[in-house]
Protein backbone atom coordinates (compact mmCIF):
# COMPACT_ATOMS: atom_id res chain seq x y z
CA MET A 1 -11.77 -76.97 -5.40
CA SER A 2 -12.14 -73.25 -4.73
CA ALA A 3 -15.07 -73.65 -2.34
CA GLN A 4 -13.28 -76.44 -0.49
CA GLU A 5 -10.15 -74.35 -0.14
CA ILE A 6 -12.13 -71.35 1.12
CA ILE A 7 -13.86 -73.53 3.71
CA GLN A 8 -10.55 -75.12 4.71
CA ILE A 9 -8.92 -71.72 5.22
CA ALA A 10 -11.93 -70.45 7.18
CA ASN A 11 -11.80 -73.54 9.40
CA GLU A 12 -8.06 -73.13 10.00
CA LEU A 13 -8.45 -69.48 10.93
CA SER A 14 -11.40 -70.25 13.18
CA ALA A 15 -9.48 -73.06 14.89
CA ARG A 16 -6.80 -70.49 15.79
CA GLY A 17 -9.43 -68.20 17.29
CA ILE A 18 -9.38 -65.79 14.36
CA THR A 19 -12.67 -64.73 12.77
CA PRO A 20 -12.23 -65.36 9.03
CA SER A 21 -12.63 -62.22 6.95
CA THR A 22 -12.77 -61.91 3.19
CA ALA A 23 -9.31 -60.31 3.12
CA MET A 24 -7.74 -62.96 5.36
CA VAL A 25 -9.14 -65.82 3.32
CA LYS A 26 -8.28 -64.18 0.00
CA ALA A 27 -4.67 -63.63 1.10
CA ARG A 28 -4.26 -67.33 1.87
CA LEU A 29 -5.80 -68.73 -1.33
CA SER A 30 -3.44 -70.71 -3.55
CA HIS A 31 -4.96 -69.17 -6.69
CA PRO A 32 -7.27 -66.23 -7.49
CA VAL A 33 -10.98 -66.78 -6.93
CA PRO A 34 -13.75 -64.47 -8.15
CA MET A 35 -14.82 -62.16 -5.34
CA ALA A 36 -18.48 -63.17 -5.77
CA GLU A 37 -17.61 -66.83 -5.16
CA LEU A 38 -15.43 -65.97 -2.17
CA LEU A 39 -18.19 -63.87 -0.59
CA LYS A 40 -20.84 -66.53 -1.26
CA VAL A 41 -18.85 -69.44 0.19
CA LEU A 42 -17.59 -67.45 3.18
CA SER A 43 -21.12 -66.25 3.91
CA GLN A 44 -22.39 -69.84 3.81
CA TRP A 45 -19.54 -70.94 6.06
CA LYS A 46 -20.34 -68.19 8.59
CA GLN A 47 -23.95 -69.42 8.77
CA GLN A 48 -22.87 -73.02 9.43
CA PRO A 49 -19.17 -73.13 10.33
CA GLN A 50 -19.37 -76.60 11.92
CA SER A 51 -20.94 -78.28 8.88
CA ALA A 52 -17.75 -78.21 6.82
CA ASP A 53 -15.81 -81.44 6.44
CA PRO A 54 -12.68 -81.57 8.60
CA VAL A 55 -9.35 -81.48 6.82
CA PRO A 56 -7.51 -84.83 6.85
CA ALA A 57 -4.45 -84.66 9.09
CA SER A 58 -2.19 -86.03 6.36
CA ALA A 59 -3.16 -83.41 3.80
CA PRO A 60 -0.80 -80.44 3.60
CA THR A 61 -2.68 -77.41 4.84
CA VAL A 62 -2.84 -74.10 3.07
CA ALA A 63 -1.27 -72.51 6.13
CA ALA A 64 1.66 -74.93 6.02
CA ARG A 65 2.27 -74.18 2.35
CA ALA A 66 2.05 -70.44 3.00
CA GLN A 67 4.47 -70.76 5.91
CA ALA A 68 6.94 -72.66 3.71
CA VAL A 69 6.75 -69.91 1.10
CA ASP A 70 7.23 -67.26 3.80
CA LEU A 71 10.31 -69.07 5.13
CA GLN A 72 11.76 -69.36 1.65
CA GLN A 73 11.20 -65.64 1.02
CA LEU A 74 12.77 -64.76 4.35
CA GLY A 75 15.79 -66.93 3.54
CA GLU A 76 16.23 -65.19 0.19
CA GLN A 77 15.89 -61.79 1.83
CA LEU A 78 18.47 -62.76 4.46
CA ASN A 79 20.91 -63.82 1.72
CA ARG A 80 20.48 -60.48 -0.07
CA LEU A 81 21.04 -58.57 3.17
CA GLU A 82 24.17 -60.58 3.97
CA GLN A 83 25.54 -59.81 0.50
CA LYS A 84 24.88 -56.10 1.03
CA VAL A 85 26.62 -56.17 4.40
CA ASP A 86 29.61 -57.93 2.82
CA ARG A 87 29.79 -55.28 0.08
CA LEU A 88 29.52 -52.42 2.58
CA THR A 89 32.19 -53.98 4.78
CA ALA A 90 34.50 -54.32 1.79
CA LEU A 91 33.87 -50.69 0.82
CA LEU A 92 34.60 -49.49 4.35
CA LEU A 93 37.84 -51.49 4.49
CA LYS A 94 38.90 -50.12 1.12
CA GLN A 95 38.05 -46.58 2.20
CA GLN A 96 40.12 -46.96 5.37
CA GLN A 97 43.10 -48.12 3.33
CA ASP A 98 42.94 -45.09 1.04
């Protein structure tokens, strides 16, 4: 599955006009892959980028999963920030009363 995922990520990046780099692909992997395997598969992909099988439209893409995780993290961060603002507001109101 690792090679397929690497190829899928490379294809997705390429489709967006981004040249896939080792770092970009590695950052989008769903699980760690040995660097040697990543370099080998990415090198093969760069030699023949069109030969990879297209990703079925119904399959959830790695990018979609990563985006969902990013949105969840942003939501959690927003909640924490709102809690901090509420606490600071309460402290300011208390300080004004004293």
